[in-house]
Amino acid sequence: MDQFLKRCFYHSGQYNSEDHFSELGSKLREKEGGKLSNRLFYLSIPPNIFVDVVRCASLKASSKDGWTRVIVEKPFGRDSESSSELTKSLKQHLTEDQIFRIDHYLGKELVENLSVLRFSNLDFEPLWSRNYIRNVQIIFSEDFGTEGRGGDFDHYGIIRDIMQNHLLQILALFAMETPVSLAAEDIRNEKFAMNQTEPSRVCGI
């Protein structure tokens, strides 16, 4: 841990400042010490500044020898149109395989364990079907409010902020078919297939 902490530093700058990102790039090169290094930028910031940050990072702070990737947290746009436009803008600076869209709720331990419980447990896997499960109830309950995020929440609303991402992701883990493997792309493909299925077919009506 001490060795890890020695490599950590705080750098302050403007989202859209190429000069500030150039300074960040210099600090990273100093820490890397000339070794082959990869860079991963995790953007837990408002989506309206994704493009500015990606542009500056791509121009001034990307890895010269290794790979450079960007993780963007939801919300990724307000609707299908704005999401597509945001993807188009990001692809002016990155390729698709450099962009990772994440729902941070999937990082919760209980949610992470769902895939293991379903697909790696020989006792549960054959029983996980409509023949043995009468119903599934997903209850979202928290003991705090918007905590300073009122402006963003008013803009996106409860359906966009919670239901169409957090809860739909959990539903997909419960209802999707067994993927070919637990690789990210295989799980994504089965989630997508589940979301294209009519509700009556998912519920076995």
N, C-alpha and C. Protein backbone atom coordinates (compact mmCIF):
# COMPACT_ATOMS: atom_id res chain seq x y z
N MET A 1 0.82 -1.20 0.00
CA MET A 1 0.00 0.00 0.00
C MET A 1 0.86 1.26 0.00
N ASP A 2 1.95 1.24 0.77
CA ASP A 2 2.83 2.41 0.82
C ASP A 2 3.40 2.73 -0.56
N GLN A 3 3.80 1.69 -1.29
CA GLN A 3 4.35 1.90 -2.63
C GLN A 3 3.29 2.48 -3.56
N PHE A 4 2.05 2.03 -3.39
CA PHE A 4 0.96 2.56 -4.21
C PHE A 4 0.71 4.03 -3.89
N LEU A 5 0.66 4.36 -2.60
CA LEU A 5 0.38 5.73 -2.19
C LEU A 5 1.47 6.69 -2.64
N LYS A 6 2.69 6.20 -2.74
CA LYS A 6 3.79 7.06 -3.20
C LYS A 6 3.59 7.50 -4.65
N ARG A 7 2.82 6.73 -5.38
CA ARG A 7 2.59 7.03 -6.79
C ARG A 7 1.35 7.89 -7.00
N CYS A 8 0.62 8.15 -5.92
CA CYS A 8 -0.60 8.94 -6.02
C CYS A 8 -0.30 10.43 -5.86
N PHE A 9 -1.05 11.24 -6.57
CA PHE A 9 -0.91 12.69 -6.42
C PHE A 9 -2.22 13.36 -6.82
N TYR A 10 -2.38 14.59 -6.38
CA TYR A 10 -3.57 15.37 -6.71
C TYR A 10 -3.18 16.46 -7.71
N HIS A 11 -3.95 16.57 -8.77
CA HIS A 11 -3.67 17.61 -9.78
C HIS A 11 -4.96 18.38 -10.04
N SER A 12 -4.90 19.68 -9.90
CA SER A 12 -6.08 20.53 -10.10
C SER A 12 -5.99 21.24 -11.44
N GLY A 13 -7.12 21.35 -12.12
CA GLY A 13 -7.12 22.04 -13.41
C GLY A 13 -8.53 22.22 -13.95
N GLN A 14 -8.63 22.93 -15.05
CA GLN A 14 -9.91 23.16 -15.70
C GLN A 14 -10.22 22.01 -16.67
N TYR A 15 -11.49 21.68 -16.77
CA TYR A 15 -11.91 20.57 -17.63
C TYR A 15 -11.49 20.78 -19.09
N ASN A 16 -11.53 22.04 -19.54
CA ASN A 16 -11.30 22.31 -20.97
C ASN A 16 -9.96 22.97 -21.25
N SER A 17 -9.02 22.87 -20.33
CA SER A 17 -7.72 23.52 -20.50
C SER A 17 -6.67 22.52 -21.00
N GLU A 18 -6.23 22.71 -22.23
CA GLU A 18 -5.18 21.84 -22.77
C GLU A 18 -3.88 22.02 -22.00
N ASP A 19 -3.62 23.24 -21.54
CA ASP A 19 -2.40 23.50 -20.77
C ASP A 19 -2.39 22.70 -19.47
N HIS A 20 -3.54 22.67 -18.78
CA HIS A 20 -3.62 21.94 -17.52
C HIS A 20 -3.47 20.43 -17.75
N PHE A 21 -4.02 19.93 -18.84
CA PHE A 21 -3.86 18.51 -19.15
C PHE A 21 -2.44 18.19 -19.60
N SER A 22 -1.78 19.16 -20.22
CA SER A 22 -0.38 18.98 -20.58
C SER A 22 0.47 18.84 -19.32
N GLU A 23 0.14 19.65 -18.30
CA GLU A 23 0.83 19.54 -17.01
C GLU A 23 0.57 18.17 -16.37
N LEU A 24 -0.67 17.70 -16.49
CA LEU A 24 -1.01 16.37 -15.96
C LEU A 24 -0.20 15.30 -16.68
N GLY A 25 -0.11 15.42 -18.00
CA GLY A 25 0.66 14.46 -18.77
C GLY A 25 2.12 14.42 -18.34
N SER A 26 2.68 15.59 -18.04
CA SER A 26 4.08 15.66 -17.59
C SER A 26 4.26 14.98 -16.24
N LYS A 27 3.30 15.20 -15.33
CA LYS A 27 3.37 14.56 -14.02
C LYS A 27 3.27 13.03 -14.14
N LEU A 28 2.40 12.58 -15.03
CA LEU A 28 2.25 11.14 -15.22
C LEU A 28 3.53 10.52 -15.79
N ARG A 29 4.14 11.20 -16.74
CA ARG A 29 5.39 10.69 -17.31
C ARG A 29 6.49 10.62 -16.25
N GLU A 30 6.48 11.61 -15.36
CA GLU A 30 7.47 11.60 -14.27
C GLU A 30 7.26 10.40 -13.37
N LYS A 31 6.00 10.10 -13.04
CA LYS A 31 5.69 8.94 -12.19
C LYS A 31 6.01 7.63 -12.90
N GLU A 32 5.81 7.61 -14.21
CA GLU A 32 6.02 6.38 -14.97
C GLU A 32 7.51 6.06 -15.15
N GLY A 33 8.33 7.07 -15.06
CA GLY A 33 9.78 6.86 -15.12
C GLY A 33 10.28 6.23 -16.40
N GLY A 34 9.64 6.56 -17.52
CA GLY A 34 10.11 6.04 -18.80
C GLY A 34 9.67 4.63 -19.11
N LYS A 35 8.89 4.01 -18.22
CA LYS A 35 8.43 2.63 -18.45
C LYS A 35 7.19 2.63 -19.34
N LEU A 36 6.99 1.51 -20.04
CA LEU A 36 5.78 1.35 -20.84
C LEU A 36 4.57 1.38 -19.91
N SER A 37 3.66 2.31 -20.13
CA SER A 37 2.54 2.49 -19.20
C SER A 37 1.24 2.70 -19.95
N ASN A 38 0.17 2.23 -19.34
CA ASN A 38 -1.18 2.45 -19.85
C ASN A 38 -1.86 3.52 -19.00
N ARG A 39 -2.85 4.18 -19.57
CA ARG A 39 -3.56 5.23 -18.83
C ARG A 39 -5.07 5.04 -18.94
N LEU A 40 -5.71 5.11 -17.78
CA LEU A 40 -7.16 4.94 -17.70
C LEU A 40 -7.74 6.15 -16.99
N PHE A 41 -8.61 6.88 -17.68
CA PHE A 41 -9.26 8.06 -17.11
C PHE A 41 -10.69 7.70 -16.71
N TYR A 42 -11.01 7.89 -15.43
CA TYR A 42 -12.34 7.57 -14.91
C TYR A 42 -13.09 8.89 -14.73
N LEU A 43 -14.14 9.10 -15.52
CA LEU A 43 -14.85 10.37 -15.53
C LEU A 43 -16.15 10.28 -14.74
N SER A 44 -16.07 10.59 -13.46
CA SER A 44 -17.27 10.68 -12.62
C SER A 44 -17.65 12.16 -12.54
N ILE A 45 -18.09 12.70 -13.66
CA ILE A 45 -18.36 14.13 -13.82
C ILE A 45 -19.65 14.29 -14.62
N PRO A 46 -20.23 15.50 -14.65
CA PRO A 46 -21.44 15.72 -15.45
C PRO A 46 -21.19 15.41 -16.92
N PRO A 47 -22.15 14.79 -17.60
CA PRO A 47 -21.95 14.39 -19.00
C PRO A 47 -21.72 15.54 -19.97
N ASN A 48 -22.15 16.75 -19.61
CA ASN A 48 -21.96 17.88 -20.53
C ASN A 48 -20.51 18.31 -20.65
N ILE A 49 -19.62 17.76 -19.80
CA ILE A 49 -18.20 18.10 -19.92
C ILE A 49 -17.35 16.88 -20.28
N PHE A 50 -17.99 15.75 -20.59
CA PHE A 50 -17.25 14.57 -21.04
C PHE A 50 -16.34 14.89 -22.22
N VAL A 51 -16.91 15.54 -23.24
CA VAL A 51 -16.18 15.75 -24.49
C VAL A 51 -14.97 16.65 -24.28
N ASP A 52 -15.13 17.71 -23.50
CA ASP A 52 -14.00 18.61 -23.23
C ASP A 52 -12.85 17.86 -22.57
N VAL A 53 -13.17 17.05 -21.58
CA VAL A 53 -12.13 16.31 -20.86
C VAL A 53 -11.47 15.28 -21.77
N VAL A 54 -12.27 14.55 -22.53
CA VAL A 54 -11.72 13.54 -23.43
C VAL A 54 -10.84 14.18 -24.50
N ARG A 55 -11.28 15.31 -25.03
CA ARG A 55 -10.48 16.00 -26.05
C ARG A 55 -9.12 16.41 -25.48
N CYS A 56 -9.11 17.05 -24.32
CA CYS A 56 -7.86 17.51 -23.72
C CYS A 56 -6.97 16.34 -23.31
N ALA A 57 -7.58 15.31 -22.73
CA ALA A 57 -6.79 14.15 -22.30
C ALA A 57 -6.19 13.43 -23.50
N SER A 58 -6.97 13.32 -24.57
CA SER A 58 -6.49 12.64 -25.77
C SER A 58 -5.33 13.39 -26.42
N LEU A 59 -5.41 14.71 -26.42
CA LEU A 59 -4.38 15.52 -27.06
C LEU A 59 -3.12 15.66 -26.21
N LYS A 60 -3.31 15.78 -24.89
CA LYS A 60 -2.19 16.20 -24.04
C LYS A 60 -1.78 15.20 -22.96
N ALA A 61 -2.59 14.19 -22.68
CA ALA A 61 -2.25 13.32 -21.54
C ALA A 61 -2.43 11.84 -21.85
N SER A 62 -2.51 11.48 -23.12
CA SER A 62 -2.66 10.07 -23.46
C SER A 62 -1.31 9.36 -23.42
N SER A 63 -1.35 8.05 -23.29
CA SER A 63 -0.12 7.27 -23.25
C SER A 63 0.54 7.24 -24.63
N LYS A 64 1.83 7.41 -24.67
CA LYS A 64 2.55 7.41 -25.94
C LYS A 64 2.85 6.00 -26.44
N ASP A 65 3.04 5.07 -25.52
CA ASP A 65 3.44 3.71 -25.89
C ASP A 65 2.38 2.66 -25.60
N GLY A 66 1.66 2.80 -24.46
CA GLY A 66 0.64 1.83 -24.09
C GLY A 66 -0.73 2.27 -24.58
N TRP A 67 -1.78 1.70 -23.96
CA TRP A 67 -3.13 2.09 -24.35
C TRP A 67 -3.66 3.20 -23.46
N THR A 68 -4.64 3.93 -23.98
CA THR A 68 -5.36 4.96 -23.24
C THR A 68 -6.85 4.63 -23.33
N ARG A 69 -7.50 4.55 -22.18
CA ARG A 69 -8.93 4.24 -22.16
C ARG A 69 -9.65 5.22 -21.24
N VAL A 70 -10.95 5.36 -21.48
CA VAL A 70 -11.78 6.29 -20.71
C VAL A 70 -13.02 5.57 -20.20
N ILE A 71 -13.29 5.69 -18.92
CA ILE A 71 -14.52 5.18 -18.33
C ILE A 71 -15.44 6.36 -18.05
N VAL A 72 -16.67 6.29 -18.54
CA VAL A 72 -17.64 7.36 -18.29
C VAL A 72 -18.80 6.77 -17.49
N GLU A 73 -19.17 7.46 -16.42
CA GLU A 73 -20.29 7.02 -15.59
C GLU A 73 -21.60 7.52 -16.17
N LYS A 74 -22.67 6.80 -15.87
CA LYS A 74 -23.99 7.27 -16.26
C LYS A 74 -24.29 8.57 -15.50
N PRO A 75 -25.17 9.45 -15.99
CA PRO A 75 -26.00 9.27 -17.19
C PRO A 75 -25.22 9.57 -18.47
N PHE A 76 -25.39 8.71 -19.45
CA PHE A 76 -24.72 8.89 -20.74
C PHE A 76 -25.75 9.45 -21.72
N GLY A 77 -26.02 10.73 -21.57
CA GLY A 77 -27.07 11.36 -22.36
C GLY A 77 -28.40 11.30 -21.64
N ARG A 78 -29.36 12.07 -22.15
CA ARG A 78 -30.68 12.14 -21.53
C ARG A 78 -31.69 11.24 -22.22
N ASP A 79 -31.40 10.91 -23.47
CA ASP A 79 -32.27 10.03 -24.25
C ASP A 79 -31.43 9.38 -25.34
N SER A 80 -32.08 8.61 -26.21
CA SER A 80 -31.34 7.89 -27.26
C SER A 80 -30.61 8.85 -28.19
N GLU A 81 -31.27 9.94 -28.54
CA GLU A 81 -30.67 10.91 -29.47
C GLU A 81 -29.43 11.57 -28.87
N SER A 82 -29.54 12.05 -27.63
CA SER A 82 -28.40 12.72 -27.00
C SER A 82 -27.28 11.72 -26.68
N SER A 83 -27.64 10.48 -26.39
CA SER A 83 -26.63 9.45 -26.15
C SER A 83 -25.84 9.17 -27.42
N SER A 84 -26.53 9.06 -28.54
CA SER A 84 -25.86 8.83 -29.82
C SER A 84 -24.98 10.01 -30.19
N GLU A 85 -25.45 11.21 -29.93
CA GLU A 85 -24.67 12.41 -30.23
C GLU A 85 -23.42 12.47 -29.37
N LEU A 86 -23.55 12.08 -28.10
CA LEU A 86 -22.39 12.07 -27.20
C LEU A 86 -21.36 11.04 -27.67
N THR A 87 -21.84 9.87 -28.06
CA THR A 87 -20.93 8.84 -28.58
C THR A 87 -20.20 9.34 -29.83
N LYS A 88 -20.94 9.99 -30.72
CA LYS A 88 -20.34 10.54 -31.94
C LYS A 88 -19.26 11.56 -31.62
N SER A 89 -19.51 12.41 -30.62
CA SER A 89 -18.53 13.43 -30.23
C SER A 89 -17.29 12.79 -29.62
N LEU A 90 -17.48 11.79 -28.76
CA LEU A 90 -16.34 11.12 -28.13
C LEU A 90 -15.48 10.40 -29.17
N LYS A 91 -16.13 9.87 -30.20
CA LYS A 91 -15.39 9.12 -31.22
C LYS A 91 -14.57 10.02 -32.13
N GLN A 92 -14.70 11.31 -31.97
CA GLN A 92 -13.80 12.21 -32.68
C GLN A 92 -12.41 12.18 -32.07
N HIS A 93 -12.32 11.66 -30.84
CA HIS A 93 -11.05 11.65 -30.13
C HIS A 93 -10.62 10.25 -29.70
N LEU A 94 -11.57 9.30 -29.66
CA LEU A 94 -11.28 7.93 -29.21
C LEU A 94 -11.94 6.93 -30.14
N THR A 95 -11.45 5.71 -30.12
CA THR A 95 -12.14 4.63 -30.82
C THR A 95 -13.13 3.97 -29.85
N GLU A 96 -14.06 3.21 -30.39
CA GLU A 96 -15.08 2.58 -29.55
C GLU A 96 -14.48 1.69 -28.48
N ASP A 97 -13.41 0.96 -28.83
CA ASP A 97 -12.83 0.05 -27.84
C ASP A 97 -12.02 0.77 -26.76
N GLN A 98 -11.92 2.09 -26.85
CA GLN A 98 -11.29 2.88 -25.79
C GLN A 98 -12.31 3.45 -24.82
N ILE A 99 -13.59 3.36 -25.16
CA ILE A 99 -14.66 3.97 -24.36
C ILE A 99 -15.39 2.88 -23.57
N PHE A 100 -15.47 3.06 -22.26
CA PHE A 100 -16.17 2.13 -21.39
C PHE A 100 -17.26 2.89 -20.63
N ARG A 101 -18.51 2.50 -20.87
CA ARG A 101 -19.64 3.14 -20.18
C ARG A 101 -20.00 2.27 -18.98
N ILE A 102 -20.12 2.88 -17.82
CA ILE A 102 -20.31 2.09 -16.60
C ILE A 102 -21.50 2.60 -15.79
N ASP A 103 -22.21 1.67 -15.23
CA ASP A 103 -23.22 1.97 -14.21
C ASP A 103 -22.60 1.58 -12.88
N HIS A 104 -22.28 2.57 -12.06
CA HIS A 104 -21.53 2.28 -10.83
C HIS A 104 -22.28 1.35 -9.89
N TYR A 105 -23.59 1.22 -10.07
CA TYR A 105 -24.37 0.33 -9.20
C TYR A 105 -23.94 -1.12 -9.37
N LEU A 106 -23.40 -1.45 -10.55
CA LEU A 106 -22.94 -2.81 -10.80
C LEU A 106 -21.71 -3.16 -9.97
N GLY A 107 -21.08 -2.14 -9.37
CA GLY A 107 -19.91 -2.39 -8.54
C GLY A 107 -20.25 -2.79 -7.12
N LYS A 108 -21.53 -2.71 -6.76
CA LYS A 108 -21.93 -3.13 -5.41
C LYS A 108 -21.72 -4.64 -5.27
N GLU A 109 -21.24 -5.04 -4.11
CA GLU A 109 -20.85 -6.44 -3.90
C GLU A 109 -22.00 -7.41 -4.18
N LEU A 110 -23.19 -7.08 -3.68
CA LEU A 110 -24.33 -7.97 -3.87
C LEU A 110 -24.67 -8.12 -5.34
N VAL A 111 -24.62 -7.02 -6.08
CA VAL A 111 -24.93 -7.06 -7.51
C VAL A 111 -23.85 -7.85 -8.26
N GLU A 112 -22.59 -7.62 -7.90
CA GLU A 112 -21.49 -8.35 -8.54
C GLU A 112 -21.64 -9.86 -8.34
N ASN A 113 -22.14 -10.25 -7.19
CA ASN A 113 -22.25 -11.68 -6.87
C ASN A 113 -23.41 -12.38 -7.57
N LEU A 114 -24.31 -11.59 -8.18
CA LEU A 114 -25.46 -12.20 -8.85
C LEU A 114 -25.02 -13.13 -9.98
N SER A 115 -24.06 -12.66 -10.78
CA SER A 115 -23.60 -13.47 -11.91
C SER A 115 -22.97 -14.77 -11.43
N VAL A 116 -22.18 -14.67 -10.37
CA VAL A 116 -21.54 -15.87 -9.81
C VAL A 116 -22.59 -16.81 -9.25
N LEU A 117 -23.56 -16.25 -8.53
CA LEU A 117 -24.63 -17.06 -7.95
C LEU A 117 -25.41 -17.80 -9.03
N ARG A 118 -25.70 -17.11 -10.12
CA ARG A 118 -26.51 -17.71 -11.18
C ARG A 118 -25.75 -18.72 -12.03
N PHE A 119 -24.57 -18.33 -12.48
CA PHE A 119 -23.93 -19.10 -13.54
C PHE A 119 -22.74 -19.95 -13.11
N SER A 120 -22.28 -19.77 -11.88
CA SER A 120 -21.14 -20.57 -11.41
C SER A 120 -21.53 -21.52 -10.29
N ASN A 121 -22.80 -21.53 -9.94
CA ASN A 121 -23.29 -22.38 -8.86
C ASN A 121 -24.11 -23.53 -9.46
N LEU A 122 -23.58 -24.72 -9.39
CA LEU A 122 -24.23 -25.87 -10.02
C LEU A 122 -25.57 -26.21 -9.40
N ASP A 123 -25.78 -25.78 -8.14
CA ASP A 123 -27.06 -26.06 -7.49
C ASP A 123 -28.15 -25.09 -7.95
N PHE A 124 -27.77 -23.82 -8.12
CA PHE A 124 -28.75 -22.80 -8.47
C PHE A 124 -29.07 -22.77 -9.97
N GLU A 125 -28.07 -22.94 -10.80
CA GLU A 125 -28.23 -22.69 -12.23
C GLU A 125 -29.40 -23.43 -12.87
N PRO A 126 -29.57 -24.73 -12.65
CA PRO A 126 -30.69 -25.43 -13.30
C PRO A 126 -32.06 -25.06 -12.72
N LEU A 127 -32.08 -24.47 -11.54
CA LEU A 127 -33.35 -24.11 -10.90
C LEU A 127 -33.78 -22.69 -11.20
N TRP A 128 -32.90 -21.91 -11.84
CA TRP A 128 -33.17 -20.49 -12.06
C TRP A 128 -34.00 -20.34 -13.34
N SER A 129 -35.28 -20.60 -13.25
CA SER A 129 -36.18 -20.47 -14.40
C SER A 129 -37.59 -20.24 -13.90
N ARG A 130 -38.49 -19.91 -14.82
CA ARG A 130 -39.88 -19.64 -14.45
C ARG A 130 -40.58 -20.88 -13.91
N ASN A 131 -39.99 -22.05 -14.13
CA ASN A 131 -40.59 -23.28 -13.63
C ASN A 131 -40.45 -23.42 -12.12
N TYR A 132 -39.47 -22.72 -11.55
CA TYR A 132 -39.21 -22.86 -10.12
C TYR A 132 -39.30 -21.53 -9.35
N ILE A 133 -39.30 -20.42 -10.06
CA ILE A 133 -39.36 -19.10 -9.41
C ILE A 133 -40.70 -18.46 -9.74
N ARG A 134 -41.48 -18.18 -8.72
CA ARG A 134 -42.82 -17.64 -8.94
C ARG A 134 -42.76 -16.17 -9.34
N ASN A 135 -41.98 -15.37 -8.61
CA ASN A 135 -41.85 -13.96 -8.97
C ASN A 135 -40.57 -13.39 -8.38
N VAL A 136 -40.15 -12.28 -8.93
CA VAL A 136 -38.96 -11.56 -8.45
C VAL A 136 -39.37 -10.13 -8.16
N GLN A 137 -39.06 -9.65 -6.98
CA GLN A 137 -39.35 -8.27 -6.61
C GLN A 137 -38.04 -7.54 -6.35
N ILE A 138 -37.84 -6.44 -7.05
CA ILE A 138 -36.65 -5.61 -6.87
C ILE A 138 -37.06 -4.36 -6.12
N ILE A 139 -36.58 -4.22 -4.90
CA ILE A 139 -36.96 -3.09 -4.04
C ILE A 139 -35.75 -2.18 -3.88
N PHE A 140 -35.91 -0.94 -4.31
CA PHE A 140 -34.83 0.05 -4.19
C PHE A 140 -35.16 0.97 -3.03
N SER A 141 -34.38 0.91 -1.97
CA SER A 141 -34.66 1.70 -0.77
C SER A 141 -33.37 2.29 -0.23
N GLU A 142 -33.33 3.61 -0.08
CA GLU A 142 -32.16 4.29 0.47
C GLU A 142 -32.62 5.25 1.56
N ASP A 143 -31.73 5.50 2.52
CA ASP A 143 -32.10 6.35 3.65
C ASP A 143 -31.55 7.77 3.50
N PHE A 144 -31.32 8.20 2.25
CA PHE A 144 -30.86 9.58 2.03
C PHE A 144 -31.51 10.11 0.75
N GLY A 145 -31.43 11.42 0.58
CA GLY A 145 -32.07 12.05 -0.57
C GLY A 145 -31.09 12.32 -1.71
N THR A 146 -31.30 13.42 -2.42
CA THR A 146 -30.46 13.72 -3.58
C THR A 146 -29.09 14.26 -3.18
N GLU A 147 -28.93 14.69 -1.92
CA GLU A 147 -27.63 15.10 -1.38
C GLU A 147 -26.88 16.07 -2.28
N GLY A 148 -27.50 17.22 -2.56
CA GLY A 148 -26.83 18.25 -3.36
C GLY A 148 -26.93 18.04 -4.86
N ARG A 149 -27.60 16.97 -5.27
CA ARG A 149 -27.74 16.68 -6.70
C ARG A 149 -29.12 17.03 -7.22
N GLY A 150 -29.80 17.94 -6.52
CA GLY A 150 -31.17 18.28 -6.90
C GLY A 150 -31.30 18.78 -8.32
N GLY A 151 -30.34 19.62 -8.74
CA GLY A 151 -30.39 20.17 -10.09
C GLY A 151 -30.30 19.09 -11.16
N ASP A 152 -29.35 18.19 -11.00
CA ASP A 152 -29.21 17.09 -11.95
C ASP A 152 -30.42 16.17 -11.91
N PHE A 153 -30.91 15.91 -10.69
CA PHE A 153 -32.04 15.00 -10.54
C PHE A 153 -33.28 15.58 -11.21
N ASP A 154 -33.50 16.89 -11.05
CA ASP A 154 -34.66 17.52 -11.68
C ASP A 154 -34.57 17.42 -13.20
N HIS A 155 -33.35 17.47 -13.72
CA HIS A 155 -33.17 17.42 -15.18
C HIS A 155 -33.41 16.02 -15.72
N TYR A 156 -32.91 15.00 -15.02
CA TYR A 156 -33.01 13.63 -15.53
C TYR A 156 -34.23 12.89 -15.01
N GLY A 157 -34.63 13.12 -13.75
CA GLY A 157 -35.80 12.46 -13.21
C GLY A 157 -35.51 11.06 -12.67
N ILE A 158 -36.47 10.52 -11.92
CA ILE A 158 -36.28 9.24 -11.24
C ILE A 158 -36.15 8.07 -12.22
N ILE A 159 -36.89 8.12 -13.33
CA ILE A 159 -36.83 7.00 -14.28
C ILE A 159 -35.46 6.92 -14.93
N ARG A 160 -34.94 8.07 -15.39
CA ARG A 160 -33.62 8.07 -16.02
C ARG A 160 -32.51 7.86 -15.00
N ASP A 161 -32.67 8.38 -13.80
CA ASP A 161 -31.59 8.33 -12.82
C ASP A 161 -31.48 6.97 -12.14
N ILE A 162 -32.58 6.28 -11.97
CA ILE A 162 -32.58 5.03 -11.21
C ILE A 162 -33.10 3.83 -12.00
N MET A 163 -34.29 3.99 -12.59
CA MET A 163 -34.99 2.83 -13.13
C MET A 163 -34.36 2.28 -14.41
N GLN A 164 -34.06 3.16 -15.38
CA GLN A 164 -33.60 2.66 -16.68
C GLN A 164 -32.14 2.24 -16.68
N ASN A 165 -31.46 2.41 -15.56
CA ASN A 165 -30.07 1.94 -15.50
C ASN A 165 -29.87 0.98 -14.33
N HIS A 166 -29.89 1.49 -13.09
CA HIS A 166 -29.64 0.64 -11.92
C HIS A 166 -30.59 -0.56 -11.89
N LEU A 167 -31.88 -0.28 -11.89
CA LEU A 167 -32.86 -1.36 -11.70
C LEU A 167 -32.97 -2.25 -12.93
N LEU A 168 -32.84 -1.66 -14.11
CA LEU A 168 -32.90 -2.47 -15.32
C LEU A 168 -31.69 -3.39 -15.44
N GLN A 169 -30.54 -2.93 -14.97
CA GLN A 169 -29.35 -3.77 -14.98
C GLN A 169 -29.54 -4.98 -14.06
N ILE A 170 -30.11 -4.74 -12.89
CA ILE A 170 -30.35 -5.84 -11.95
C ILE A 170 -31.38 -6.82 -12.53
N LEU A 171 -32.44 -6.27 -13.13
CA LEU A 171 -33.44 -7.12 -13.77
C LEU A 171 -32.80 -7.98 -14.86
N ALA A 172 -31.90 -7.39 -15.63
CA ALA A 172 -31.24 -8.13 -16.70
C ALA A 172 -30.42 -9.29 -16.14
N LEU A 173 -29.72 -9.05 -15.04
CA LEU A 173 -28.93 -10.12 -14.43
C LEU A 173 -29.81 -11.27 -13.94
N PHE A 174 -31.03 -10.93 -13.51
CA PHE A 174 -31.95 -11.97 -13.05
C PHE A 174 -32.57 -12.74 -14.22
N ALA A 175 -32.94 -12.01 -15.29
CA ALA A 175 -33.80 -12.60 -16.31
C ALA A 175 -33.08 -13.06 -17.57
N MET A 176 -31.85 -12.65 -17.79
CA MET A 176 -31.18 -12.99 -19.06
C MET A 176 -30.84 -14.48 -19.12
N GLU A 177 -30.63 -14.95 -20.34
CA GLU A 177 -30.22 -16.33 -20.55
C GLU A 177 -28.76 -16.51 -20.14
N THR A 178 -28.34 -17.74 -19.96
CA THR A 178 -26.96 -18.01 -19.59
C THR A 178 -26.02 -17.59 -20.72
N PRO A 179 -25.04 -16.72 -20.44
CA PRO A 179 -24.12 -16.28 -21.49
C PRO A 179 -23.12 -17.37 -21.85
N VAL A 180 -22.49 -17.22 -23.00
CA VAL A 180 -21.48 -18.18 -23.44
C VAL A 180 -20.35 -18.26 -22.43
N SER A 181 -19.99 -17.10 -21.86
CA SER A 181 -18.97 -17.03 -20.82
C SER A 181 -19.29 -15.83 -19.95
N LEU A 182 -18.50 -15.62 -18.90
CA LEU A 182 -18.70 -14.46 -18.04
C LEU A 182 -17.87 -13.27 -18.51
N ALA A 183 -17.39 -13.32 -19.74
CA ALA A 183 -16.69 -12.18 -20.32
C ALA A 183 -17.68 -11.03 -20.51
N ALA A 184 -17.18 -9.81 -20.42
CA ALA A 184 -18.04 -8.62 -20.46
C ALA A 184 -18.92 -8.58 -21.71
N GLU A 185 -18.35 -8.89 -22.87
CA GLU A 185 -19.12 -8.82 -24.12
C GLU A 185 -20.23 -9.86 -24.15
N ASP A 186 -19.97 -11.05 -23.65
CA ASP A 186 -20.99 -12.10 -23.66
C ASP A 186 -22.15 -11.75 -22.72
N ILE A 187 -21.82 -11.20 -21.54
CA ILE A 187 -22.87 -10.77 -20.61
C ILE A 187 -23.66 -9.62 -21.22
N ARG A 188 -22.97 -8.67 -21.83
CA ARG A 188 -23.65 -7.55 -22.48
C ARG A 188 -24.61 -8.02 -23.56
N ASN A 189 -24.19 -8.99 -24.36
CA ASN A 189 -25.05 -9.49 -25.44
C ASN A 189 -26.32 -10.12 -24.90
N GLU A 190 -26.21 -10.86 -23.79
CA GLU A 190 -27.40 -11.49 -23.21
C GLU A 190 -28.31 -10.46 -22.54
N LYS A 191 -27.71 -9.44 -21.94
CA LYS A 191 -28.53 -8.36 -21.37
C LYS A 191 -29.32 -7.66 -22.47
N PHE A 192 -28.64 -7.39 -23.57
CA PHE A 192 -29.30 -6.72 -24.69
C PHE A 192 -30.44 -7.58 -25.23
N ALA A 193 -30.20 -8.87 -25.37
CA ALA A 193 -31.24 -9.78 -25.85
C ALA A 193 -32.44 -9.79 -24.91
N MET A 194 -32.17 -9.77 -23.61
CA MET A 194 -33.27 -9.75 -22.64
C MET A 194 -34.09 -8.47 -22.77
N ASN A 195 -33.41 -7.34 -22.96
CA ASN A 195 -34.11 -6.06 -23.07
C ASN A 195 -34.94 -5.95 -24.34
N GLN A 196 -34.63 -6.78 -25.34
CA GLN A 196 -35.41 -6.78 -26.57
C GLN A 196 -36.61 -7.73 -26.50
N THR A 197 -36.68 -8.49 -25.42
CA THR A 197 -37.74 -9.48 -25.27
C THR A 197 -39.02 -8.84 -24.75
N GLU A 198 -40.16 -9.29 -25.23
CA GLU A 198 -41.43 -8.78 -24.74
C GLU A 198 -41.60 -9.15 -23.27
N PRO A 199 -42.16 -8.24 -22.46
CA PRO A 199 -42.34 -8.53 -21.02
C PRO A 199 -43.09 -9.83 -20.75
N SER A 200 -44.06 -10.15 -21.58
CA SER A 200 -44.84 -11.38 -21.35
C SER A 200 -43.98 -12.62 -21.50
N ARG A 201 -42.98 -12.56 -22.41
CA ARG A 201 -42.11 -13.71 -22.61
C ARG A 201 -41.13 -13.85 -21.45
N VAL A 202 -40.64 -12.70 -20.94
CA VAL A 202 -39.73 -12.75 -19.80
C VAL A 202 -40.44 -13.32 -18.58
N CYS A 203 -41.70 -12.91 -18.39
CA CYS A 203 -42.45 -13.34 -17.21
C CYS A 203 -43.08 -14.72 -17.39
N GLY A 204 -43.04 -15.26 -18.60
CA GLY A 204 -43.60 -16.58 -18.83
C GLY A 204 -45.11 -16.60 -18.87
N ILE A 205 -45.71 -15.46 -19.25
CA ILE A 205 -47.17 -15.38 -19.32
C ILE A 205 -47.67 -16.00 -20.63
